[in-house]
Amino acid sequence: MKSLSEKYIEDYLTSKIVGITVIDVDIDFPQYENAFHVEGEKDYYLFENNDNHFIFTDGKFNEKYREEENDLDRFFQKVVATITQEEDTPA
C-alpha cells in the first residue's frame, strides 16, 4: 500500500497547480497516520487515517473527498480538480 509523503504530495501538486505549498502537520493531528496542510489561494488538508484511507478537506475541515480504496491516482485527480476549480488556477 502506498502512503502519503510530503515530497510526493508537493511534487505532484506543484506539477499540476501553480502557487501550492505543502506542510507536514502530523504533530497537530496525532489521530491520523499522516496529515498535510496545503496552502494556495485557499487552505486544504490531506489526511491518511490508520486504515490507509485518504481524506481531503477544506481549511475548515469540511470533507471534500474520501478515497477508501487506497487509489492515490484517483485521490489526487479529485484533489487537483477541486483545487483548480475552487481557486480558478490554470492546471
PDB file of N, CA and C in Angstrom:
ATOM      1  N   MET A   1       0.826  -1.186   0.000  1.00  0.00           N
ATOM      2  CA  MET A   1       0.000   0.000   0.000  1.00  0.00           C
ATOM      3  C   MET A   1       0.867   1.245   0.000  1.00  0.00           C
ATOM      4  N   LYS A   2       0.481   2.208  -0.799  1.00  0.00           N
ATOM      5  CA  LYS A   2       1.202   3.476  -0.818  1.00  0.00           C
ATOM      6  C   LYS A   2       0.788   4.310   0.376  1.00  0.00           C
ATOM      7  N   SER A   3       1.695   5.149   0.806  1.00  0.00           N
ATOM      8  CA  SER A   3       1.434   6.061   1.899  1.00  0.00           C
ATOM      9  C   SER A   3       1.769   7.470   1.432  1.00  0.00           C
ATOM     10  N   LEU A   4       1.145   8.443   2.029  1.00  0.00           N
ATOM     11  CA  LEU A   4       1.397   9.831   1.658  1.00  0.00           C
ATOM     12  C   LEU A   4       2.727  10.298   2.232  1.00  0.00           C
ATOM     13  N   SER A   5       3.437  11.098   1.469  1.00  0.00           N
ATOM     14  CA  SER A   5       4.645  11.755   1.958  1.00  0.00           C
ATOM     15  C   SER A   5       4.623  13.200   1.481  1.00  0.00           C
ATOM     16  N   GLU A   6       5.286  14.061   2.225  1.00  0.00           N
ATOM     17  CA  GLU A   6       5.306  15.481   1.876  1.00  0.00           C
ATOM     18  C   GLU A   6       5.919  15.691   0.489  1.00  0.00           C
ATOM     19  N   LYS A   7       7.008  15.008   0.198  1.00  0.00           N
ATOM     20  CA  LYS A   7       7.673  15.164  -1.094  1.00  0.00           C
ATOM     21  C   LYS A   7       6.761  14.722  -2.235  1.00  0.00           C
ATOM     22  N   TYR A   8       6.109  13.572  -2.077  1.00  0.00           N
ATOM     23  CA  TYR A   8       5.221  13.074  -3.126  1.00  0.00           C
ATOM     24  C   TYR A   8       4.094  14.070  -3.388  1.00  0.00           C
ATOM     25  N   ILE A   9       3.462  14.535  -2.325  1.00  0.00           N
ATOM     26  CA  ILE A   9       2.333  15.461  -2.464  1.00  0.00           C
ATOM     27  C   ILE A   9       2.788  16.771  -3.103  1.00  0.00           C
ATOM     28  N   GLU A  10       3.875  17.325  -2.590  1.00  0.00           N
ATOM     29  CA  GLU A  10       4.342  18.602  -3.125  1.00  0.00           C
ATOM     30  C   GLU A  10       4.761  18.470  -4.583  1.00  0.00           C
ATOM     31  N   ASP A  11       5.500  17.418  -4.912  1.00  0.00           N
ATOM     32  CA  ASP A  11       5.917  17.205  -6.306  1.00  0.00           C
ATOM     33  C   ASP A  11       4.712  17.061  -7.219  1.00  0.00           C
ATOM     34  N   TYR A  12       3.735  16.274  -6.787  1.00  0.00           N
ATOM     35  CA  TYR A  12       2.555  16.038  -7.619  1.00  0.00           C
ATOM     36  C   TYR A  12       1.749  17.320  -7.797  1.00  0.00           C
ATOM     37  N   LEU A  13       1.418  17.974  -6.691  1.00  0.00           N
ATOM     38  CA  LEU A  13       0.552  19.155  -6.768  1.00  0.00           C
ATOM     39  C   LEU A  13       1.220  20.328  -7.476  1.00  0.00           C
ATOM     40  N   THR A  14       2.502  20.553  -7.219  1.00  0.00           N
ATOM     41  CA  THR A  14       3.162  21.683  -7.864  1.00  0.00           C
ATOM     42  C   THR A  14       3.379  21.445  -9.358  1.00  0.00           C
ATOM     43  N   SER A  15       3.339  20.190  -9.785  1.00  0.00           N
ATOM     44  CA  SER A  15       3.431  19.923 -11.222  1.00  0.00           C
ATOM     45  C   SER A  15       2.101  20.194 -11.931  1.00  0.00           C
ATOM     46  N   LYS A  16       1.023  20.293 -11.171  1.00  0.00           N
ATOM     47  CA  LYS A  16      -0.317  20.484 -11.734  1.00  0.00           C
ATOM     48  C   LYS A  16      -0.914  21.860 -11.442  1.00  0.00           C
ATOM     49  N   ILE A  17      -0.524  22.468 -10.312  1.00  0.00           N
ATOM     50  CA  ILE A  17      -1.156  23.706  -9.847  1.00  0.00           C
ATOM     51  C   ILE A  17      -0.075  24.704  -9.449  1.00  0.00           C
ATOM     52  N   VAL A  18      -0.210  25.932  -9.896  1.00  0.00           N
ATOM     53  CA  VAL A  18       0.741  26.994  -9.574  1.00  0.00           C
ATOM     54  C   VAL A  18       0.436  27.548  -8.179  1.00  0.00           C
ATOM     55  N   GLY A  19       1.482  27.817  -7.402  1.00  0.00           N
ATOM     56  CA  GLY A  19       1.327  28.518  -6.131  1.00  0.00           C
ATOM     57  C   GLY A  19       0.897  27.667  -4.958  1.00  0.00           C
ATOM     58  N   ILE A  20       1.198  26.388  -4.976  1.00  0.00           N
ATOM     59  CA  ILE A  20       0.815  25.480  -3.890  1.00  0.00           C
ATOM     60  C   ILE A  20       2.029  25.185  -3.026  1.00  0.00           C
ATOM     61  N   THR A  21       1.815  25.170  -1.708  1.00  0.00           N
ATOM     62  CA  THR A  21       2.839  24.772  -0.748  1.00  0.00           C
ATOM     63  C   THR A  21       2.256  23.676   0.133  1.00  0.00           C
ATOM     64  N   VAL A  22       3.061  22.671   0.456  1.00  0.00           N
ATOM     65  CA  VAL A  22       2.613  21.558   1.297  1.00  0.00           C
ATOM     66  C   VAL A  22       3.442  21.540   2.572  1.00  0.00           C
ATOM     67  N   ILE A  23       2.763  21.458   3.705  1.00  0.00           N
ATOM     68  CA  ILE A  23       3.427  21.439   5.009  1.00  0.00           C
ATOM     69  C   ILE A  23       2.973  20.197   5.774  1.00  0.00           C
ATOM     70  N   ASP A  24       3.927  19.445   6.297  1.00  0.00           N
ATOM     71  CA  ASP A  24       3.625  18.272   7.119  1.00  0.00           C
ATOM     72  C   ASP A  24       3.136  18.764   8.478  1.00  0.00           C
ATOM     73  N   VAL A  25       1.908  18.393   8.856  1.00  0.00           N
ATOM     74  CA  VAL A  25       1.333  18.829  10.134  1.00  0.00           C
ATOM     75  C   VAL A  25       0.924  17.635  10.989  1.00  0.00           C
ATOM     76  N   ASP A  26       1.666  16.530  10.861  1.00  0.00           N
ATOM     77  CA  ASP A  26       1.363  15.324  11.642  1.00  0.00           C
ATOM     78  C   ASP A  26       1.265  15.611  13.138  1.00  0.00           C
ATOM     79  N   ILE A  27       2.143  16.459  13.629  1.00  0.00           N
ATOM     80  CA  ILE A  27       2.179  16.737  15.065  1.00  0.00           C
ATOM     81  C   ILE A  27       0.878  17.359  15.562  1.00  0.00           C
ATOM     82  N   ASP A  28       0.191  18.094  14.700  1.00  0.00           N
ATOM     83  CA  ASP A  28      -1.067  18.745  15.070  1.00  0.00           C
ATOM     84  C   ASP A  28      -2.268  17.798  14.999  1.00  0.00           C
ATOM     85  N   PHE A  29      -2.107  16.660  14.328  1.00  0.00           N
ATOM     86  CA  PHE A  29      -3.209  15.721  14.113  1.00  0.00           C
ATOM     87  C   PHE A  29      -2.762  14.294  14.421  1.00  0.00           C
ATOM     88  N   PRO A  30      -2.517  13.990  15.700  1.00  0.00           N
ATOM     89  CA  PRO A  30      -1.994  12.661  16.053  1.00  0.00           C
ATOM     90  C   PRO A  30      -2.971  11.520  15.765  1.00  0.00           C
ATOM     91  N   GLN A  31      -4.223  11.834  15.528  1.00  0.00           N
ATOM     92  CA  GLN A  31      -5.216  10.790  15.249  1.00  0.00           C
ATOM     93  C   GLN A  31      -5.064  10.225  13.832  1.00  0.00           C
ATOM     94  N   TYR A  32      -4.245  10.864  12.995  1.00  0.00           N
ATOM     95  CA  TYR A  32      -4.037  10.409  11.625  1.00  0.00           C
ATOM     96  C   TYR A  32      -2.626   9.852  11.452  1.00  0.00           C
ATOM     97  N   GLU A  33      -2.502   8.915  10.541  1.00  0.00           N
ATOM     98  CA  GLU A  33      -1.200   8.359  10.174  1.00  0.00           C
ATOM     99  C   GLU A  33      -0.319   9.455   9.555  1.00  0.00           C
ATOM    100  N   ASN A  34      -0.914  10.245   8.661  1.00  0.00           N
ATOM    101  CA  ASN A  34      -0.229  11.366   8.010  1.00  0.00           C
ATOM    102  C   ASN A  34      -1.205  12.528   7.874  1.00  0.00           C
ATOM    103  N   ALA A  35      -0.684  13.746   7.994  1.00  0.00           N
ATOM    104  CA  ALA A  35      -1.515  14.947   7.845  1.00  0.00           C
ATOM    105  C   ALA A  35      -0.689  16.041   7.182  1.00  0.00           C
ATOM    106  N   PHE A  36      -1.299  16.704   6.187  1.00  0.00           N
ATOM    107  CA  PHE A  36      -0.601  17.742   5.442  1.00  0.00           C
ATOM    108  C   PHE A  36      -1.521  18.933   5.218  1.00  0.00           C
ATOM    109  N   HIS A  37      -0.952  20.113   5.372  1.00  0.00           N
ATOM    110  CA  HIS A  37      -1.663  21.360   5.110  1.00  0.00           C
ATOM    111  C   HIS A  37      -1.234  21.823   3.720  1.00  0.00           C
ATOM    112  N   VAL A  38      -2.198  22.046   2.853  1.00  0.00           N
ATOM    113  CA  VAL A  38      -1.925  22.511   1.500  1.00  0.00           C
ATOM    114  C   VAL A  38      -2.338  23.974   1.439  1.00  0.00           C
ATOM    115  N   GLU A  39      -1.366  24.834   1.189  1.00  0.00           N
ATOM    116  CA  GLU A  39      -1.630  26.265   1.125  1.00  0.00           C
ATOM    117  C   GLU A  39      -1.574  26.734  -0.313  1.00  0.00           C
ATOM    118  N   GLY A  40      -2.588  27.458  -0.714  1.00  0.00           N
ATOM    119  CA  GLY A  40      -2.664  28.102  -2.014  1.00  0.00           C
ATOM    120  C   GLY A  40      -3.461  29.370  -1.811  1.00  0.00           C
ATOM    121  N   GLU A  41      -4.334  29.690  -2.761  1.00  0.00           N
ATOM    122  CA  GLU A  41      -5.248  30.804  -2.533  1.00  0.00           C
ATOM    123  C   GLU A  41      -6.169  30.488  -1.368  1.00  0.00           C
ATOM    124  N   LYS A  42      -6.491  29.212  -1.216  1.00  0.00           N
ATOM    125  CA  LYS A  42      -7.297  28.715  -0.099  1.00  0.00           C
ATOM    126  C   LYS A  42      -6.500  27.644   0.619  1.00  0.00           C
ATOM    127  N   ASP A  43      -6.939  27.285   1.802  1.00  0.00           N
ATOM    128  CA  ASP A  43      -6.282  26.237   2.579  1.00  0.00           C
ATOM    129  C   ASP A  43      -7.040  24.926   2.440  1.00  0.00           C
ATOM    130  N   TYR A  44      -6.280  23.845   2.425  1.00  0.00           N
ATOM    131  CA  TYR A  44      -6.829  22.493   2.355  1.00  0.00           C
ATOM    132  C   TYR A  44      -5.997  21.592   3.255  1.00  0.00           C
ATOM    133  N   TYR A  45      -6.548  20.427   3.581  1.00  0.00           N
ATOM    134  CA  TYR A  45      -5.820  19.419   4.337  1.00  0.00           C
ATOM    135  C   TYR A  45      -5.967  18.073   3.654  1.00  0.00           C
ATOM    136  N   LEU A  46      -4.877  17.310   3.696  1.00  0.00           N
ATOM    137  CA  LEU A  46      -4.866  15.934   3.212  1.00  0.00           C
ATOM    138  C   LEU A  46      -4.509  15.057   4.403  1.00  0.00           C
ATOM    139  N   PHE A  47      -5.324  14.030   4.638  1.00  0.00           N
ATOM    140  CA  PHE A  47      -5.086  13.129   5.753  1.00  0.00           C
ATOM    141  C   PHE A  47      -5.040  11.694   5.252  1.00  0.00           C
ATOM    142  N   GLU A  48      -4.247  10.893   5.939  1.00  0.00           N
ATOM    143  CA  GLU A  48      -4.265   9.448   5.748  1.00  0.00           C
ATOM    144  C   GLU A  48      -4.565   8.860   7.117  1.00  0.00           C
ATOM    145  N   ASN A  49      -5.683   8.135   7.220  1.00  0.00           N
ATOM    146  CA  ASN A  49      -6.011   7.578   8.523  1.00  0.00           C
ATOM    147  C   ASN A  49      -5.308   6.235   8.716  1.00  0.00           C
ATOM    148  N   ASN A  50      -5.516   5.632   9.854  1.00  0.00           N
ATOM    149  CA  ASN A  50      -4.823   4.384  10.181  1.00  0.00           C
ATOM    150  C   ASN A  50      -5.263   3.210   9.322  1.00  0.00           C
ATOM    151  N   ASP A  51      -6.365   3.342   8.610  1.00  0.00           N
ATOM    152  CA  ASP A  51      -6.836   2.299   7.696  1.00  0.00           C
ATOM    153  C   ASP A  51      -6.351   2.547   6.275  1.00  0.00           C
ATOM    154  N   ASN A  52      -5.421   3.477   6.104  1.00  0.00           N
ATOM    155  CA  ASN A  52      -4.886   3.856   4.796  1.00  0.00           C
ATOM    156  C   ASN A  52      -5.947   4.413   3.863  1.00  0.00           C
ATOM    157  N   HIS A  53      -6.925   5.095   4.412  1.00  0.00           N
ATOM    158  CA  HIS A  53      -7.902   5.824   3.615  1.00  0.00           C
ATOM    159  C   HIS A  53      -7.433   7.269   3.557  1.00  0.00           C
ATOM    160  N   PHE A  54      -7.616   7.898   2.402  1.00  0.00           N
ATOM    161  CA  PHE A  54      -7.164   9.259   2.194  1.00  0.00           C
ATOM    162  C   PHE A  54      -8.356  10.204   2.251  1.00  0.00           C
ATOM    163  N   ILE A  55      -8.175  11.332   2.942  1.00  0.00           N
ATOM    164  CA  ILE A  55      -9.251  12.291   3.151  1.00  0.00           C
ATOM    165  C   ILE A  55      -8.749  13.673   2.737  1.00  0.00           C
ATOM    166  N   PHE A  56      -9.571  14.384   1.997  1.00  0.00           N
ATOM    167  CA  PHE A  56      -9.264  15.734   1.524  1.00  0.00           C
ATOM    168  C   PHE A  56     -10.323  16.662   2.086  1.00  0.00           C
ATOM    169  N   THR A  57      -9.895  17.719   2.794  1.00  0.00           N
ATOM    170  CA  THR A  57     -10.842  18.671   3.378  1.00  0.00           C
ATOM    171  C   THR A  57     -10.456  20.091   2.990  1.00  0.00           C
ATOM    172  N   ASP A  58     -11.405  20.992   3.181  1.00  0.00           N
ATOM    173  CA  ASP A  58     -11.072  22.405   3.022  1.00  0.00           C
ATOM    174  C   ASP A  58     -10.417  22.890   4.312  1.00  0.00           C
ATOM    175  N   GLY A  59     -10.089  24.163   4.375  1.00  0.00           N
ATOM    176  CA  GLY A  59      -9.402  24.728   5.528  1.00  0.00           C
ATOM    177  C   GLY A  59     -10.206  24.719   6.810  1.00  0.00           C
ATOM    178  N   LYS A  60     -11.524  24.523   6.686  1.00  0.00           N
ATOM    179  CA  LYS A  60     -12.396  24.450   7.867  1.00  0.00           C
ATOM    180  C   LYS A  60     -12.715  23.000   8.219  1.00  0.00           C
ATOM    181  N   PHE A  61     -11.999  22.067   7.589  1.00  0.00           N
ATOM    182  CA  PHE A  61     -12.105  20.627   7.821  1.00  0.00           C
ATOM    183  C   PHE A  61     -13.424  20.029   7.351  1.00  0.00           C
ATOM    184  N   ASN A  62     -14.080  20.697   6.403  1.00  0.00           N
ATOM    185  CA  ASN A  62     -15.249  20.108   5.759  1.00  0.00           C
ATOM    186  C   ASN A  62     -14.740  19.117   4.717  1.00  0.00           C
ATOM    187  N   GLU A  63     -15.178  17.875   4.831  1.00  0.00           N
ATOM    188  CA  GLU A  63     -14.679  16.846   3.926  1.00  0.00           C
ATOM    189  C   GLU A  63     -15.122  17.105   2.496  1.00  0.00           C
ATOM    190  N   LYS A  64     -14.155  17.090   1.591  1.00  0.00           N
ATOM    191  CA  LYS A  64     -14.413  17.288   0.165  1.00  0.00           C
ATOM    192  C   LYS A  64     -14.424  15.947  -0.567  1.00  0.00           C
ATOM    193  N   TYR A  65     -13.524  15.057  -0.165  1.00  0.00           N
ATOM    194  CA  TYR A  65     -13.404  13.772  -0.846  1.00  0.00           C
ATOM    195  C   TYR A  65     -12.710  12.774   0.073  1.00  0.00           C
ATOM    196  N   ARG A  66     -13.149  11.520  -0.021  1.00  0.00           N
ATOM    197  CA  ARG A  66     -12.545  10.428   0.748  1.00  0.00           C
ATOM    198  C   ARG A  66     -12.277   9.281  -0.214  1.00  0.00           C
ATOM    199  N   GLU A  67     -11.059   8.769  -0.177  1.00  0.00           N
ATOM    200  CA  GLU A  67     -10.665   7.639  -1.021  1.00  0.00           C
ATOM    201  C   GLU A  67     -10.397   6.442  -0.115  1.00  0.00           C
ATOM    202  N   GLU A  68     -11.268   5.447  -0.190  1.00  0.00           N
ATOM    203  CA  GLU A  68     -11.158   4.290   0.690  1.00  0.00           C
ATOM    204  C   GLU A  68     -10.542   3.080   0.008  1.00  0.00           C
ATOM    205  N   GLU A  69     -10.202   3.205  -1.259  1.00  0.00           N
ATOM    206  CA  GLU A  69      -9.619   2.086  -1.998  1.00  0.00           C
ATOM    207  C   GLU A  69      -8.097   2.202  -2.110  1.00  0.00           C
ATOM    208  N   ASN A  70      -7.497   3.181  -1.443  1.00  0.00           N
ATOM    209  CA  ASN A  70      -6.060   3.425  -1.491  1.00  0.00           C
ATOM    210  C   ASN A  70      -5.588   3.650  -2.921  1.00  0.00           C
ATOM    211  N   ASP A  71      -6.398   4.331  -3.704  1.00  0.00           N
ATOM    212  CA  ASP A  71      -6.061   4.660  -5.088  1.00  0.00           C
ATOM    213  C   ASP A  71      -5.560   6.102  -5.128  1.00  0.00           C
ATOM    214  N   LEU A  72      -4.232   6.258  -4.971  1.00  0.00           N
ATOM    215  CA  LEU A  72      -3.665   7.610  -4.933  1.00  0.00           C
ATOM    216  C   LEU A  72      -3.886   8.373  -6.220  1.00  0.00           C
ATOM    217  N   ASP A  73      -3.869   7.698  -7.359  1.00  0.00           N
ATOM    218  CA  ASP A  73      -4.094   8.395  -8.624  1.00  0.00           C
ATOM    219  C   ASP A  73      -5.474   9.030  -8.653  1.00  0.00           C
ATOM    220  N   ARG A  74      -6.491   8.264  -8.312  1.00  0.00           N
ATOM    221  CA  ARG A  74      -7.855   8.796  -8.300  1.00  0.00           C
ATOM    222  C   ARG A  74      -7.998   9.891  -7.248  1.00  0.00           C
ATOM    223  N   PHE A  75      -7.403   9.665  -6.079  1.00  0.00           N
ATOM    224  CA  PHE A  75      -7.467  10.646  -4.999  1.00  0.00           C
ATOM    225  C   PHE A  75      -6.886  11.986  -5.460  1.00  0.00           C
ATOM    226  N   PHE A  76      -5.678  11.960  -6.029  1.00  0.00           N
ATOM    227  CA  PHE A  76      -5.047  13.208  -6.434  1.00  0.00           C
ATOM    228  C   PHE A  76      -5.705  13.836  -7.651  1.00  0.00           C
ATOM    229  N   GLN A  77      -6.317  13.057  -8.511  1.00  0.00           N
ATOM    230  CA  GLN A  77      -7.088  13.643  -9.608  1.00  0.00           C
ATOM    231  C   GLN A  77      -8.236  14.472  -9.045  1.00  0.00           C
ATOM    232  N   LYS A  78      -8.916  13.936  -8.033  1.00  0.00           N
ATOM    233  CA  LYS A  78     -10.025  14.666  -7.394  1.00  0.00           C
ATOM    234  C   LYS A  78      -9.508  15.901  -6.656  1.00  0.00           C
ATOM    235  N   VAL A  79      -8.382  15.765  -5.959  1.00  0.00           N
ATOM    236  CA  VAL A  79      -7.799  16.890  -5.227  1.00  0.00           C
ATOM    237  C   VAL A  79      -7.442  18.017  -6.196  1.00  0.00           C
ATOM    238  N   VAL A  80      -6.734  17.689  -7.269  1.00  0.00           N
ATOM    239  CA  VAL A  80      -6.328  18.698  -8.252  1.00  0.00           C
ATOM    240  C   VAL A  80      -7.550  19.339  -8.897  1.00  0.00           C
ATOM    241  N   ALA A  81      -8.537  18.536  -9.275  1.00  0.00           N
ATOM    242  CA  ALA A  81      -9.742  19.077  -9.905  1.00  0.00           C
ATOM    243  C   ALA A  81     -10.461  20.042  -8.965  1.00  0.00           C
ATOM    244  N   THR A  82     -10.561  19.688  -7.698  1.00  0.00           N
ATOM    245  CA  THR A  82     -11.246  20.541  -6.731  1.00  0.00           C
ATOM    246  C   THR A  82     -10.493  21.840  -6.500  1.00  0.00           C
ATOM    247  N   ILE A  83      -9.192  21.743  -6.254  1.00  0.00           N
ATOM    248  CA  ILE A  83      -8.398  22.945  -6.009  1.00  0.00           C
ATOM    249  C   ILE A  83      -8.418  23.850  -7.236  1.00  0.00           C
ATOM    250  N   THR A  84      -8.232  23.277  -8.400  1.00  0.00           N
ATOM    251  CA  THR A  84      -8.216  24.067  -9.628  1.00  0.00           C
ATOM    252  C   THR A  84      -9.551  24.778  -9.837  1.00  0.00           C
ATOM    253  N   GLN A  85     -10.629  24.070  -9.612  1.00  0.00           N
ATOM    254  CA  GLN A  85     -11.951  24.663  -9.784  1.00  0.00           C
ATOM    255  C   GLN A  85     -12.187  25.759  -8.742  1.00  0.00           C
ATOM    256  N   GLU A  86     -11.863  25.487  -7.494  1.00  0.00           N
ATOM    257  CA  GLU A  86     -12.142  26.454  -6.430  1.00  0.00           C
ATOM    258  C   GLU A  86     -11.217  27.664  -6.461  1.00  0.00           C
ATOM    259  N   GLU A  87      -9.992  27.464  -6.880  1.00  0.00           N
ATOM    260  CA  GLU A  87      -9.053  28.581  -6.905  1.00  0.00           C
ATOM    261  C   GLU A  87      -8.961  29.230  -8.271  1.00  0.00           C
ATOM    262  N   ASP A  88      -9.601  28.618  -9.261  1.00  0.00           N
ATOM    263  CA  ASP A  88      -9.579  29.131 -10.617  1.00  0.00           C
ATOM    264  C   ASP A  88      -8.139  29.317 -11.101  1.00  0.00           C
ATOM    265  N   THR A  89      -7.292  28.333 -10.763  1.00  0.00           N
ATOM    266  CA  THR A  89      -5.885  28.335 -11.134  1.00  0.00           C
ATOM    267  C   THR A  89      -5.680  27.444 -12.336  1.00  0.00           C
ATOM    268  N   PRO A  90      -4.977  27.907 -13.360  1.00  0.00           N
ATOM    269  CA  PRO A  90      -4.734  27.035 -14.519  1.00  0.00           C
ATOM    270  C   PRO A  90      -3.911  25.818 -14.123  1.00  0.00           C
ATOM    271  N   ALA A  91      -4.307  24.667 -14.648  1.00  0.00           N
ATOM    272  CA  ALA A  91      -3.576  23.435 -14.339  1.00  0.00           C
ATOM    273  C   ALA A  91      -2.436  23.252 -15.299  1.00  0.00           C
TER     274      ALA A  91
END
